[in-house]
Protein backbone atom coordinates (compact mmCIF):
# COMPACT_ATOMS: atom_id res chain seq x y z
CA MET A 1 -23.75 7.28 -75.42
CA THR A 2 -24.04 9.73 -72.60
CA LYS A 3 -26.89 8.18 -70.90
CA ILE A 4 -24.88 4.88 -71.43
CA VAL A 5 -22.10 6.90 -68.67
CA ILE A 6 -24.37 8.13 -66.76
CA LEU A 7 -26.32 4.98 -66.59
CA GLY A 8 -22.78 3.18 -65.48
CA MET A 9 -21.81 5.51 -63.24
CA CYS A 10 -25.45 5.16 -61.47
CA LEU A 11 -25.44 1.54 -61.43
CA ILE A 12 -21.31 1.22 -60.04
CA LEU A 13 -22.56 4.08 -57.33
CA VAL A 14 -25.37 2.17 -56.35
CA VAL A 15 -23.30 -1.50 -56.26
CA SER A 16 -20.20 0.30 -54.36
CA CYS A 17 -22.50 1.52 -51.55
CA LYS A 18 -24.37 -1.27 -50.18
CA SER A 19 -25.92 -0.51 -46.38
CA PRO A 20 -24.00 -2.63 -43.41
CA ASP A 21 -26.61 -4.31 -43.45
CA GLN A 22 -26.11 -5.70 -46.54
CA LYS A 23 -22.70 -6.96 -46.03
CA GLU A 24 -21.99 -10.30 -44.72
CA ALA A 25 -21.85 -10.26 -41.16
CA GLN A 26 -18.39 -11.42 -39.23
CA ASP A 27 -19.53 -13.80 -36.88
CA GLU A 28 -16.70 -12.94 -33.96
CA PRO A 29 -16.07 -16.44 -32.88
CA SER A 30 -17.58 -17.17 -29.57
CA MET A 31 -16.21 -20.61 -29.40
CA ILE A 32 -12.73 -21.23 -27.79
CA GLU A 33 -10.53 -21.89 -31.08
CA ALA A 34 -8.21 -24.47 -29.62
CA GLU A 35 -10.32 -27.30 -27.61
CA ILE A 36 -8.47 -27.81 -24.37
CA GLN A 37 -7.10 -31.07 -25.53
CA ALA A 38 -5.76 -33.91 -22.77
CA LEU A 39 -4.59 -32.26 -19.83
CA PRO A 40 -1.86 -33.67 -17.74
CA GLU A 41 -3.88 -35.93 -15.15
CA LEU A 42 -3.49 -34.63 -11.57
CA VAL A 43 -0.65 -36.01 -8.94
CA PRO A 44 -2.96 -37.55 -6.38
CA LEU A 45 -3.18 -36.22 -2.72
CA SER A 46 -2.01 -38.46 -0.10
CA PRO A 47 -4.88 -39.63 2.68
CA ARG A 48 -2.68 -37.03 5.25
CA ALA A 49 -3.05 -34.64 2.70
CA ARG A 50 -6.48 -34.66 1.65
CA GLU A 51 -7.01 -34.98 5.08
CA ILE A 52 -5.22 -31.24 5.95
CA VAL A 53 -6.78 -29.84 2.51
CA ASP A 54 -10.26 -30.78 2.70
CA GLU A 55 -10.37 -28.74 6.23
CA TRP A 56 -8.55 -26.12 4.31
CA PRO A 57 -11.77 -23.80 3.18
CA GLN A 58 -9.56 -21.06 0.72
CA TYR A 59 -7.65 -24.15 -1.21
CA THR A 60 -10.93 -26.67 -1.91
CA SER A 61 -12.61 -23.48 -3.35
CA LEU A 62 -10.07 -23.42 -5.83
CA GLU A 63 -9.32 -26.95 -6.80
CA ASN A 64 -13.11 -27.48 -6.99
CA ARG A 65 -13.38 -23.74 -10.28
CA LEU A 66 -10.13 -25.44 -11.43
CA SER A 67 -12.06 -28.56 -12.07
CA THR A 68 -14.19 -26.83 -14.56
CA LEU A 69 -11.69 -25.31 -16.29
CA PRO A 70 -12.26 -28.28 -19.24
CA ASP A 71 -16.40 -27.53 -19.14
CA VAL A 72 -15.49 -23.74 -20.20
CA LYS A 73 -17.10 -23.33 -24.13
CA ASN A 74 -16.60 -19.87 -24.74
CA THR A 75 -14.41 -16.44 -24.19
CA GLU A 76 -17.02 -14.98 -21.84
CA GLU A 77 -17.30 -17.80 -19.71
CA MET A 78 -12.98 -18.23 -19.86
CA GLU A 79 -12.99 -14.89 -18.62
CA LEU A 80 -15.76 -14.74 -15.72
CA LEU A 81 -13.86 -18.48 -14.49
CA LEU A 82 -10.26 -16.63 -14.60
CA GLU A 83 -11.11 -13.69 -12.73
CA GLU A 84 -12.50 -15.76 -10.18
CA LEU A 85 -10.07 -18.42 -10.23
CA ASN A 86 -7.63 -15.19 -9.20
CA GLN A 87 -10.10 -14.09 -6.49
CA ILE A 88 -9.45 -17.13 -4.94
CA CYS A 89 -5.93 -17.20 -5.23
CA LYS A 90 -5.56 -14.12 -3.72
CA GLN A 91 -7.51 -15.17 -0.86
CA VAL A 92 -5.19 -18.41 -0.25
CA GLU A 93 -2.33 -16.42 -0.57
CA GLU A 94 -3.98 -13.37 2.42
CA ASN A 95 -5.72 -16.21 5.13
CA ALA A 96 -3.67 -18.31 6.94
CA PHE A 97 -2.19 -21.61 5.76
CA PRO A 98 -2.90 -24.79 7.63
CA GLN A 99 0.11 -25.65 10.34
CA PRO A 100 2.30 -28.27 8.38
CA PHE A 101 1.83 -26.11 4.64
CA GLU A 102 2.91 -22.71 6.39
CA LYS A 103 5.85 -22.87 3.97
CA PRO A 104 7.67 -20.88 1.66
CA SER A 105 7.50 -23.68 -0.49
CA VAL A 106 3.67 -24.03 -0.75
CA ARG A 107 3.52 -20.13 -1.07
CA SER A 108 5.46 -20.03 -3.75
CA ARG A 109 3.81 -22.83 -5.65
CA ILE A 110 0.38 -20.82 -4.97
CA LYS A 111 2.34 -17.56 -6.63
CA VAL A 112 3.38 -19.29 -9.43
CA LEU A 113 0.07 -21.00 -10.20
CA ARG A 114 -1.44 -16.89 -10.18
CA THR A 115 1.12 -16.62 -12.86
CA TYR A 116 0.14 -19.53 -15.14
CA LEU A 117 -3.41 -17.74 -14.30
CA GLY A 118 -2.33 -14.46 -15.88
CA LYS A 119 -0.72 -16.28 -18.67
CA LEU A 120 -3.83 -18.00 -19.29
CA GLU A 121 -6.16 -14.55 -18.94
CA ALA A 122 -3.64 -13.26 -21.73
CA ALA A 123 -4.63 -15.72 -24.01
CA ASN A 124 -8.00 -15.60 -23.45
CA TYR A 125 -7.92 -11.36 -23.44
CA TYR A 126 -5.83 -11.91 -27.11
CA ARG A 127 -7.46 -14.80 -29.04
CA LEU A 128 -4.75 -16.93 -28.77
CA ASP A 129 -3.75 -20.83 -28.09
CA TYR A 130 -5.13 -21.99 -24.82
CA GLN A 131 -3.05 -25.49 -24.58
CA GLU A 132 0.25 -24.31 -23.78
CA PRO A 133 -0.88 -22.01 -21.04
CA ILE A 134 -3.84 -24.69 -19.76
CA SER A 135 -0.87 -27.10 -19.46
CA GLU A 136 1.61 -25.22 -17.69
CA LEU A 137 -1.27 -24.59 -15.23
CA MET A 138 -1.99 -27.74 -14.48
CA ASP A 139 1.42 -28.54 -14.11
CA ALA A 140 1.62 -25.66 -11.45
CA ILE A 141 -1.20 -27.38 -9.82
CA ASN A 142 0.52 -30.60 -9.78
CA ALA A 143 3.77 -29.32 -7.94
CA THR A 144 1.96 -27.61 -6.02
CA ARG A 145 -0.13 -31.50 -5.19
CA GLN A 146 2.96 -32.54 -4.72
CA GLN A 147 4.58 -30.90 -2.28
CA PHE A 148 1.40 -31.18 -0.18
CA ASN A 149 2.44 -34.89 -0.33
CA VAL A 150 6.11 -34.18 -0.02
CA ILE A 151 5.36 -31.92 3.69
CA VAL A 152 3.03 -34.58 4.59
CA ASN A 153 5.01 -37.92 4.13
CA ASN A 154 8.52 -36.00 5.65
CA ASN A 155 9.53 -37.71 8.61
CA LEU A 156 12.48 -36.02 9.53
CA THR A 157 13.02 -33.21 12.56
CA PRO A 158 14.93 -30.27 12.69
CA ASP A 159 16.68 -32.33 15.55
CA VAL A 160 18.34 -34.60 13.26
CA PHE A 161 20.13 -31.68 11.68
CA GLU A 162 21.02 -30.34 15.07
CA ASN A 163 25.05 -30.53 16.33
CA ASN A 164 25.20 -31.81 19.72
C-alpha cells in the first residue's frame, strides 16, 4: 500500500513539474488582429491646390507615408510607421507653410491629424481594434484636404468686408 502511495506521489510530481519547453507555446499575435477594412475615400485635391501641395515637401512626405498605412502587416511595422508619421507631422508644424495655407484653419487640422495619430498609436500599444482610429485619422486627412480646396477656391478678398 505504501508503495502505491509513493508511486502515486512520484507520478503526480512528474506530471505537475513540466519544464517550460514542454508547455504549449503561447504565440503572441504578430498579425494585426483587426484588419484595416474599407477606409473612407480621400477627398481629391483641386488642381490649384495640388500645385501648391506638390511644392511643399513636408506635407508631400506625410501623404506618401500615410498611403502605406493599409499595407501594414504587424504591430511592429505599425509602431515604426506611426513613429515616422509623428516625426513628419512635427516637421510640418515646425516648418513654414506655403503662403495660401498659412492660416490657423490649416494649422489646427494638422494638430488634429497628429492627435488621431496618437490615438492610433495607443490602439497599437494596447492591441485594440484599429478600425475606429484609422477611420478617424482618414477623416482628419480628408478635412485637411478639403480645407486646402476651400482656401484655393476662395475668391473673396478682404477688401469686400471693409467699410468705406
